[in-house]
Amino acid sequence: MEVGDLRAHLFEHGPELVQSIKAGKYKPQPVLRVLIPKEEKGKFRPLGITTAIDRWVQQAVQQKLSEEYEKVFSESSHGFRPNRSCQTAVEQCLKLANEGYVWVVDLDLAKFFDTVNHSKLLQLLSERIKDGRVISLIHKFL
């Protein structure tokens, strides 16, 4: 399904989709794996492309998780967060430098998401997210 067709599909099938999610019966579709070129010549990075419906469901979960977790994340963390970017990180560094700080740590872990321990992640999520259906859904996406 093209992303442009998603809205009409949700109008027609949205209630069934929501019901399947609530009942714990929703099953994400297999991810399409493609290789995209890296800046290094001859090197490629694998990229997983999810279906439009799965992206929509993932976005809904992400929005709810953000409500829960944004309040406990460090103010110094800027990656993959709403209203934060490289630009906000630079602005914070400049502000702190003007206050007399002299060190900045920029961290980018290679292949981080490929190495996340899913069991530990789900355990940590379960400490805050008490609805087992949500944890199960996230597990299915992992």
Protein backbone atom coordinates (compact mmCIF):
# COMPACT_ATOMS: atom_id res chain seq x y z
CA MET A 1 0.00 0.00 0.00
CA GLU A 2 1.26 3.46 -0.87
CA VAL A 3 1.45 5.93 2.02
CA GLY A 4 -1.02 8.13 0.14
CA ASP A 5 -3.60 5.33 0.31
CA LEU A 6 -3.30 4.91 4.08
CA ARG A 7 -5.87 7.54 5.08
CA ALA A 8 -8.64 5.99 2.99
CA HIS A 9 -7.68 2.53 4.20
CA LEU A 10 -7.87 3.65 7.85
CA PHE A 11 -11.28 5.23 7.32
CA GLU A 12 -12.52 1.93 5.93
CA HIS A 13 -10.61 -0.54 8.13
CA GLY A 14 -9.49 1.55 11.13
CA PRO A 15 -11.95 0.11 13.67
CA GLU A 16 -10.90 -3.46 12.75
CA LEU A 17 -7.23 -2.49 13.04
CA VAL A 18 -7.74 -0.91 16.47
CA GLN A 19 -9.71 -3.94 17.64
CA SER A 20 -6.98 -6.34 16.49
CA ILE A 21 -4.37 -4.25 18.36
CA LYS A 22 -6.48 -4.16 21.54
CA ALA A 23 -7.11 -7.91 21.32
CA GLY A 24 -3.38 -8.60 20.92
CA LYS A 25 -3.94 -10.19 17.52
CA TYR A 26 -2.21 -7.57 15.35
CA LYS A 27 0.81 -8.97 13.53
CA PRO A 28 3.31 -6.66 11.88
CA GLN A 29 4.24 -7.58 8.33
CA PRO A 30 7.78 -8.66 7.39
CA VAL A 31 10.18 -5.79 6.88
CA LEU A 32 11.57 -5.17 3.39
CA ARG A 33 15.37 -5.09 3.67
CA VAL A 34 17.20 -2.80 1.25
CA LEU A 35 20.82 -1.70 1.11
CA ILE A 36 21.52 2.00 0.84
CA PRO A 37 24.94 3.41 -0.07
CA LYS A 38 27.04 4.96 2.68
CA GLU A 39 29.32 7.96 2.24
CA GLU A 40 32.26 5.54 2.17
CA LYS A 41 32.60 4.36 -1.40
CA GLY A 42 31.49 0.79 -1.95
CA LYS A 43 29.92 0.48 1.53
CA PHE A 44 26.22 -0.09 2.17
CA ARG A 45 23.93 0.13 5.16
CA PRO A 46 20.93 -2.16 5.57
CA LEU A 47 17.60 -0.40 5.96
CA GLY A 48 14.33 -2.05 6.95
CA ILE A 49 11.23 -0.63 5.30
CA THR A 50 7.98 -1.34 7.13
CA THR A 51 4.51 -1.26 5.60
CA ALA A 52 2.49 1.95 5.77
CA ILE A 53 0.10 0.41 8.33
CA ASP A 54 2.95 -0.82 10.52
CA ARG A 55 4.56 2.64 10.40
CA TRP A 56 1.24 4.17 11.46
CA VAL A 57 0.95 1.75 14.40
CA GLN A 58 4.59 2.31 15.38
CA GLN A 59 4.06 6.07 15.30
CA ALA A 60 1.04 5.75 17.61
CA VAL A 61 3.08 3.66 20.07
CA GLN A 62 5.99 6.10 19.83
CA GLN A 63 3.75 9.05 20.66
CA LYS A 64 2.41 7.32 23.77
CA LEU A 65 5.89 6.24 24.87
CA SER A 66 7.17 9.78 24.40
CA GLU A 67 4.50 11.07 26.80
CA GLU A 68 5.77 8.65 29.44
CA TYR A 69 9.51 8.87 28.88
CA GLU A 70 10.21 12.48 27.84
CA LYS A 71 9.77 13.61 31.43
CA VAL A 72 12.60 11.35 32.64
CA PHE A 73 15.12 11.77 29.81
CA SER A 74 18.19 13.95 30.29
CA GLU A 75 17.97 17.53 29.09
CA SER A 76 21.39 16.95 27.52
CA SER A 77 20.10 14.19 25.24
CA HIS A 78 19.08 15.35 21.75
CA GLY A 79 18.97 12.23 19.55
CA PHE A 80 15.65 10.84 18.33
CA ARG A 81 13.61 13.19 20.53
CA PRO A 82 10.74 15.54 19.73
CA ASN A 83 11.72 19.16 19.12
CA ARG A 84 15.41 18.30 19.40
CA SER A 85 18.10 18.12 16.76
CA CYS A 86 21.77 18.68 16.07
CA GLN A 87 20.96 22.39 16.09
CA THR A 88 19.46 22.29 19.62
CA ALA A 89 22.50 20.31 20.81
CA VAL A 90 24.85 22.96 19.40
CA GLU A 91 22.78 25.73 20.99
CA GLN A 92 22.96 23.99 24.37
CA CYS A 93 26.74 23.54 23.99
CA LEU A 94 27.19 27.24 23.20
CA LYS A 95 25.07 28.23 26.20
CA LEU A 96 27.08 25.98 28.51
CA ALA A 97 30.38 27.18 27.03
CA ASN A 98 29.32 30.76 27.82
CA GLU A 99 28.70 29.60 31.41
CA GLY A 100 32.30 28.38 31.65
CA TYR A 101 32.05 24.71 30.76
CA VAL A 102 34.89 23.50 28.54
CA TRP A 103 34.01 19.90 27.59
CA VAL A 104 31.42 18.53 25.17
CA VAL A 105 30.76 14.84 24.63
CA ASP A 106 29.29 13.79 21.28
CA LEU A 107 28.41 10.12 21.27
CA ASP A 108 27.42 8.04 18.26
CA LEU A 109 27.44 4.30 18.88
CA ALA A 110 28.07 2.29 15.72
CA LYS A 111 25.33 -0.26 15.00
CA PHE A 112 23.70 0.53 18.35
CA PHE A 113 20.20 -0.57 17.36
CA ASP A 114 21.58 -3.83 15.95
CA THR A 115 22.98 -4.72 19.38
CA VAL A 116 20.17 -3.70 21.77
CA ASN A 117 19.26 -6.53 24.13
CA HIS A 118 15.54 -6.92 23.38
CA SER A 119 14.80 -8.83 26.57
CA LYS A 120 16.37 -6.11 28.72
CA LEU A 121 14.59 -3.40 26.73
CA LEU A 122 11.20 -5.08 27.22
CA GLN A 123 11.96 -5.56 30.93
CA LEU A 124 12.75 -1.85 31.33
CA LEU A 125 9.64 -0.86 29.39
CA SER A 126 7.54 -3.16 31.59
CA GLU A 127 8.64 -1.25 34.68
CA ARG A 128 6.79 1.86 33.43
CA ILE A 129 4.28 0.52 30.92
CA LYS A 130 1.82 -1.68 32.79
CA ASP A 131 -0.36 -2.67 29.82
CA GLY A 132 1.01 -6.03 28.68
CA ARG A 133 -0.65 -5.58 25.28
CA VAL A 134 1.64 -2.62 24.58
CA ILE A 135 4.72 -4.58 25.63
CA SER A 136 3.59 -7.52 23.46
CA LEU A 137 3.05 -5.23 20.47
CA ILE A 138 6.52 -3.70 20.86
CA HIS A 139 7.96 -7.22 21.13
CA LYS A 140 6.29 -8.16 17.85
CA PHE A 141 7.88 -5.17 16.13
CA LEU A 142 11.29 -6.04 17.53
